[in-house]
Amino acid sequence: MPSPGRSARKRVADLREENQLHRVYKEVDPSAGEFDEYPHRFYATFETENESDATAGPRALIVGDDCPRTKAPPVPGG
């Protein structure tokens, strides 16, 4: 007998499929459109429009982000 958590996940997956909501990738816009920046960083979500393009060449998946602009400044004396 499946656990309640598994059946709930299955139901959610079925609802996404019924409503054609698939995992897609959206590009991060670090400047909120102020500048023409193309960092080629994406996040996954469930929607209908995919902003990523498949390439025939080599690819890499980087999990996490160490962008200096997103880090908190160092604590003085810390």
N, C-alpha and C. Protein backbone atom coordinates (compact mmCIF):
# COMPACT_ATOMS: atom_id res chain seq x y z
N MET A 1 0.84 -1.19 0.00
CA MET A 1 0.00 0.00 0.00
C MET A 1 0.89 1.25 0.00
N PRO A 2 0.65 2.22 -0.91
CA PRO A 2 1.48 3.42 -0.97
C PRO A 2 1.27 4.29 0.26
N SER A 3 2.31 5.02 0.62
CA SER A 3 2.19 5.94 1.76
C SER A 3 1.34 7.13 1.35
N PRO A 4 0.71 7.81 2.33
CA PRO A 4 -0.13 8.98 1.99
C PRO A 4 0.64 10.07 1.24
N GLY A 5 1.92 10.26 1.58
CA GLY A 5 2.72 11.27 0.89
C GLY A 5 2.90 10.96 -0.58
N ARG A 6 3.13 9.69 -0.89
CA ARG A 6 3.32 9.28 -2.29
C ARG A 6 2.04 9.49 -3.08
N SER A 7 0.91 9.13 -2.54
CA SER A 7 -0.34 9.29 -3.28
C SER A 7 -0.66 10.78 -3.48
N ALA A 8 -0.32 11.62 -2.53
CA ALA A 8 -0.54 13.06 -2.68
C ALA A 8 0.35 13.61 -3.80
N ARG A 9 1.62 13.17 -3.83
CA ARG A 9 2.52 13.62 -4.90
C ARG A 9 2.02 13.15 -6.26
N LYS A 10 1.50 11.94 -6.31
CA LYS A 10 0.96 11.39 -7.57
C LYS A 10 -0.24 12.22 -8.02
N ARG A 11 -1.10 12.58 -7.09
CA ARG A 11 -2.29 13.38 -7.43
C ARG A 11 -1.88 14.76 -7.97
N VAL A 12 -0.88 15.37 -7.34
CA VAL A 12 -0.40 16.67 -7.80
C VAL A 12 0.19 16.53 -9.21
N ALA A 13 0.98 15.47 -9.43
CA ALA A 13 1.55 15.23 -10.76
C ALA A 13 0.45 15.02 -11.78
N ASP A 14 -0.60 14.29 -11.42
CA ASP A 14 -1.73 14.07 -12.33
C ASP A 14 -2.44 15.38 -12.65
N LEU A 15 -2.64 16.23 -11.65
CA LEU A 15 -3.30 17.52 -11.88
C LEU A 15 -2.46 18.41 -12.79
N ARG A 16 -1.13 18.41 -12.58
CA ARG A 16 -0.27 19.21 -13.47
C ARG A 16 -0.38 18.72 -14.90
N GLU A 17 -0.41 17.40 -15.08
CA GLU A 17 -0.51 16.83 -16.42
C GLU A 17 -1.86 17.17 -17.05
N GLU A 18 -2.94 17.04 -16.28
CA GLU A 18 -4.28 17.36 -16.80
C GLU A 18 -4.38 18.82 -17.25
N ASN A 19 -3.68 19.70 -16.54
CA ASN A 19 -3.74 21.13 -16.86
C ASN A 19 -2.56 21.60 -17.71
N GLN A 20 -1.79 20.66 -18.22
CA GLN A 20 -0.65 20.93 -19.10
C GLN A 20 0.34 21.90 -18.47
N LEU A 21 0.60 21.72 -17.18
CA LEU A 21 1.61 22.50 -16.48
C LEU A 21 2.84 21.62 -16.34
N HIS A 22 3.87 21.94 -17.10
CA HIS A 22 5.08 21.13 -17.12
C HIS A 22 6.23 21.93 -16.53
N ARG A 23 7.26 21.22 -16.08
CA ARG A 23 8.43 21.91 -15.56
C ARG A 23 9.10 22.63 -16.73
N VAL A 24 9.24 23.92 -16.57
CA VAL A 24 9.90 24.75 -17.59
C VAL A 24 10.96 25.58 -16.88
N TYR A 25 11.77 26.25 -17.67
CA TYR A 25 12.87 27.03 -17.12
C TYR A 25 12.74 28.48 -17.57
N LYS A 26 12.82 29.38 -16.61
CA LYS A 26 12.74 30.81 -16.85
C LYS A 26 14.10 31.42 -16.60
N GLU A 27 14.47 32.42 -17.42
CA GLU A 27 15.77 33.06 -17.25
C GLU A 27 15.70 34.13 -16.16
N VAL A 28 16.71 34.15 -15.31
CA VAL A 28 16.82 35.15 -14.25
C VAL A 28 17.18 36.48 -14.90
N ASP A 29 16.50 37.55 -14.51
CA ASP A 29 16.80 38.89 -15.01
C ASP A 29 17.34 39.69 -13.84
N PRO A 30 18.67 39.72 -13.67
CA PRO A 30 19.24 40.33 -12.46
C PRO A 30 19.04 41.83 -12.35
N SER A 31 18.79 42.53 -13.46
CA SER A 31 18.64 43.98 -13.39
C SER A 31 17.20 44.42 -13.57
N ALA A 32 16.26 43.49 -13.51
CA ALA A 32 14.83 43.79 -13.66
C ALA A 32 14.55 44.54 -14.96
N GLY A 33 15.30 44.24 -16.01
CA GLY A 33 15.05 44.83 -17.32
C GLY A 33 15.72 46.17 -17.56
N GLU A 34 16.43 46.72 -16.56
CA GLU A 34 17.08 48.02 -16.75
C GLU A 34 18.22 47.97 -17.75
N PHE A 35 18.96 46.85 -17.77
CA PHE A 35 20.12 46.73 -18.64
C PHE A 35 19.96 45.47 -19.47
N ASP A 36 20.64 45.45 -20.61
CA ASP A 36 20.65 44.23 -21.43
C ASP A 36 21.70 43.28 -20.87
N GLU A 37 21.26 42.43 -19.97
CA GLU A 37 22.15 41.43 -19.37
C GLU A 37 21.61 40.06 -19.71
N TYR A 38 22.49 39.16 -20.04
CA TYR A 38 22.10 37.79 -20.35
C TYR A 38 22.99 36.83 -19.56
N PRO A 39 22.66 36.63 -18.29
CA PRO A 39 23.53 35.81 -17.45
C PRO A 39 23.39 34.31 -17.72
N HIS A 40 22.41 33.92 -18.49
CA HIS A 40 22.15 32.51 -18.79
C HIS A 40 21.99 31.69 -17.51
N ARG A 41 21.25 32.25 -16.58
CA ARG A 41 20.90 31.55 -15.35
C ARG A 41 19.40 31.34 -15.38
N PHE A 42 18.99 30.15 -15.04
CA PHE A 42 17.58 29.80 -15.11
C PHE A 42 17.09 29.23 -13.80
N TYR A 43 15.80 29.32 -13.58
CA TYR A 43 15.18 28.66 -12.44
C TYR A 43 14.02 27.82 -12.96
N ALA A 44 13.72 26.75 -12.27
CA ALA A 44 12.64 25.85 -12.70
C ALA A 44 11.34 26.25 -12.04
N THR A 45 10.25 26.13 -12.80
CA THR A 45 8.92 26.40 -12.28
C THR A 45 7.93 25.57 -13.09
N PHE A 46 6.68 25.58 -12.72
CA PHE A 46 5.65 24.85 -13.46
C PHE A 46 4.74 25.87 -14.12
N GLU A 47 4.89 26.04 -15.42
CA GLU A 47 4.08 26.96 -16.20
C GLU A 47 3.92 26.38 -17.59
N THR A 48 3.54 27.23 -18.54
CA THR A 48 3.33 26.76 -19.90
C THR A 48 4.40 27.26 -20.87
N GLU A 49 5.11 28.35 -20.55
CA GLU A 49 6.11 28.91 -21.46
C GLU A 49 7.52 28.59 -20.95
N ASN A 50 8.34 28.04 -21.84
CA ASN A 50 9.71 27.70 -21.50
C ASN A 50 10.63 28.74 -22.13
N GLU A 51 11.52 29.35 -21.36
CA GLU A 51 12.43 30.36 -21.88
C GLU A 51 13.81 29.82 -22.22
N SER A 52 14.04 28.54 -21.99
CA SER A 52 15.36 27.98 -22.30
C SER A 52 15.33 27.33 -23.67
N ASP A 53 16.49 27.33 -24.32
CA ASP A 53 16.63 26.70 -25.63
C ASP A 53 17.58 25.51 -25.49
N ALA A 54 17.20 24.40 -26.06
CA ALA A 54 18.08 23.23 -26.08
C ALA A 54 19.21 23.48 -27.06
N THR A 55 20.39 23.05 -26.71
CA THR A 55 21.53 23.20 -27.60
C THR A 55 22.08 21.82 -27.95
N ALA A 56 22.71 21.76 -29.10
CA ALA A 56 23.31 20.50 -29.53
C ALA A 56 24.71 20.32 -28.95
N GLY A 57 25.30 21.40 -28.48
CA GLY A 57 26.67 21.34 -27.97
C GLY A 57 26.73 20.90 -26.52
N PRO A 58 27.92 20.97 -25.94
CA PRO A 58 28.11 20.60 -24.55
C PRO A 58 27.28 21.49 -23.62
N ARG A 59 26.83 20.91 -22.53
CA ARG A 59 26.04 21.64 -21.54
C ARG A 59 26.57 21.35 -20.15
N ALA A 60 26.22 22.22 -19.22
CA ALA A 60 26.60 22.02 -17.82
C ALA A 60 25.43 22.41 -16.95
N LEU A 61 25.26 21.72 -15.86
CA LEU A 61 24.24 22.05 -14.87
C LEU A 61 24.97 22.49 -13.61
N ILE A 62 24.74 23.72 -13.20
CA ILE A 62 25.36 24.24 -12.00
C ILE A 62 24.25 24.39 -10.96
N VAL A 63 24.40 23.69 -9.87
CA VAL A 63 23.40 23.74 -8.81
C VAL A 63 23.89 24.73 -7.77
N GLY A 64 23.08 25.76 -7.52
CA GLY A 64 23.48 26.80 -6.59
C GLY A 64 24.03 27.98 -7.36
N ASP A 65 24.29 29.05 -6.66
CA ASP A 65 24.77 30.26 -7.30
C ASP A 65 25.62 31.01 -6.29
N ASP A 66 26.78 31.43 -6.71
CA ASP A 66 27.67 32.17 -5.83
C ASP A 66 27.92 33.55 -6.42
N CYS A 67 26.84 34.16 -6.89
CA CYS A 67 26.94 35.47 -7.51
C CYS A 67 27.25 36.51 -6.43
N PRO A 68 28.32 37.29 -6.58
CA PRO A 68 28.67 38.27 -5.54
C PRO A 68 27.58 39.28 -5.26
N ARG A 69 26.76 39.62 -6.24
CA ARG A 69 25.71 40.62 -6.01
C ARG A 69 24.61 40.10 -5.11
N THR A 70 24.50 38.79 -4.95
CA THR A 70 23.43 38.24 -4.11
C THR A 70 23.91 37.92 -2.70
N LYS A 71 25.20 38.09 -2.45
CA LYS A 71 25.73 37.80 -1.12
C LYS A 71 25.56 39.01 -0.20
N ALA A 72 25.33 38.71 1.06
CA ALA A 72 25.27 39.78 2.05
C ALA A 72 26.68 40.31 2.28
N PRO A 73 26.81 41.61 2.56
CA PRO A 73 28.15 42.16 2.82
C PRO A 73 28.72 41.57 4.10
N PRO A 74 30.05 41.53 4.21
CA PRO A 74 30.65 40.98 5.43
C PRO A 74 30.28 41.82 6.65
N VAL A 75 30.20 41.16 7.76
CA VAL A 75 29.89 41.85 9.03
C VAL A 75 31.19 42.44 9.57
N PRO A 76 31.20 43.75 9.87
CA PRO A 76 32.42 44.37 10.40
C PRO A 76 32.86 43.66 11.69
N GLY A 77 34.13 43.36 11.76
CA GLY A 77 34.68 42.71 12.94
C GLY A 77 34.33 41.23 13.03
N GLY A 78 33.69 40.66 11.97
CA GLY A 78 33.25 39.27 12.04
C GLY A 78 34.00 38.39 11.24
